[in-house]
Amino acid sequence: MKRITSAPNATEYDFSCTPEDTMRTAAAIDGASVTIMEQLGHFPMSENPEQFRRYIAPVLGRILKQSTFTKQGEHA
């Protein structure tokens, strides 16, 4: 089974899931890292697509890279 390290993201202005909530959750996940997306709220992709893209693109790139390694058999 392949393991992908979690990278929870929180938005600065989301009061339903605060950055503090996200940091507490990440602390319970071995190897997790947290990114607080500044100037964004609960619906970041709608509120400010360009700002959201700056945060989500690197995460998607890491997932794609890990997925590509698995397909090529370089990682189990």
Protein backbone atom coordinates (compact mmCIF):
# COMPACT_ATOMS: atom_id res chain seq x y z
CA MET A 1 0.00 0.00 0.00
CA LYS A 2 1.35 3.41 -0.99
CA ARG A 3 1.44 6.16 1.59
CA ILE A 4 0.97 9.79 0.64
CA THR A 5 1.84 12.29 3.34
CA SER A 6 -1.05 14.54 4.23
CA ALA A 7 -0.75 18.26 3.63
CA PRO A 8 -3.82 19.84 5.20
CA ASN A 9 -4.52 23.38 4.15
CA ALA A 10 -6.48 25.96 6.11
CA THR A 11 -7.70 29.35 5.06
CA GLU A 12 -7.09 32.43 7.12
CA TYR A 13 -10.75 33.53 7.26
CA ASP A 14 -12.62 30.21 7.53
CA PHE A 15 -14.43 30.24 10.86
CA SER A 16 -15.94 26.76 10.36
CA CYS A 17 -12.45 25.19 10.27
CA THR A 18 -9.92 27.58 11.73
CA PRO A 19 -6.18 27.44 11.16
CA GLU A 20 -5.86 26.33 14.79
CA ASP A 21 -8.23 23.39 14.13
CA THR A 22 -6.16 22.38 11.12
CA MET A 23 -2.88 22.61 13.03
CA ARG A 24 -4.31 20.40 15.79
CA THR A 25 -5.39 17.81 13.23
CA ALA A 26 -2.03 17.89 11.46
CA ALA A 27 -0.24 17.38 14.77
CA ALA A 28 -2.00 14.02 15.03
CA ILE A 29 -0.88 12.91 11.52
CA ASP A 30 2.68 11.62 11.27
CA GLY A 31 4.58 13.58 8.63
CA ALA A 32 1.82 16.11 7.94
CA SER A 33 2.63 19.72 7.14
CA VAL A 34 0.19 22.63 7.32
CA THR A 35 -0.20 25.57 5.00
CA ILE A 36 -2.37 28.51 6.04
CA MET A 37 -3.77 30.09 2.89
CA GLU A 38 -3.73 33.83 3.54
CA GLN A 39 -6.51 36.18 2.43
CA LEU A 40 -8.91 33.30 1.74
CA GLY A 41 -12.06 32.00 3.41
CA HIS A 42 -14.29 28.92 3.28
CA PHE A 43 -14.63 28.86 -0.54
CA PRO A 44 -11.14 29.91 -1.68
CA MET A 45 -11.50 28.64 -5.23
CA SER A 46 -14.49 30.93 -5.76
CA GLU A 47 -13.39 33.89 -3.63
CA ASN A 48 -9.98 34.40 -5.17
CA PRO A 49 -9.04 31.79 -7.79
CA GLU A 50 -5.59 33.23 -8.49
CA GLN A 51 -4.61 33.31 -4.81
CA PHE A 52 -5.99 29.78 -4.31
CA ARG A 53 -4.04 28.51 -7.33
CA ARG A 54 -0.78 29.71 -5.74
CA TYR A 55 -1.41 27.37 -2.82
CA ILE A 56 -3.01 24.37 -4.51
CA ALA A 57 -0.69 24.03 -7.54
CA PRO A 58 2.36 22.88 -5.51
CA VAL A 59 0.23 20.34 -3.61
CA LEU A 60 -1.17 18.92 -6.83
CA GLY A 61 2.35 18.81 -8.29
CA ARG A 62 3.60 16.73 -5.35
CA ILE A 63 0.64 14.34 -5.65
CA LEU A 64 1.24 13.97 -9.38
CA LYS A 65 4.93 13.31 -8.82
CA GLN A 66 4.19 10.64 -6.20
CA SER A 67 1.57 9.09 -8.46
CA THR A 68 3.97 9.03 -11.41
CA PHE A 69 6.64 7.31 -9.32
CA THR A 70 4.15 4.62 -8.32
CA LYS A 71 3.09 3.98 -11.92
CA GLN A 72 6.72 3.61 -12.96
CA GLY A 73 7.37 1.19 -10.13
CA GLU A 74 10.02 3.36 -8.49
CA HIS A 75 8.17 3.45 -5.18
CA ALA A 76 5.85 0.96 -3.55
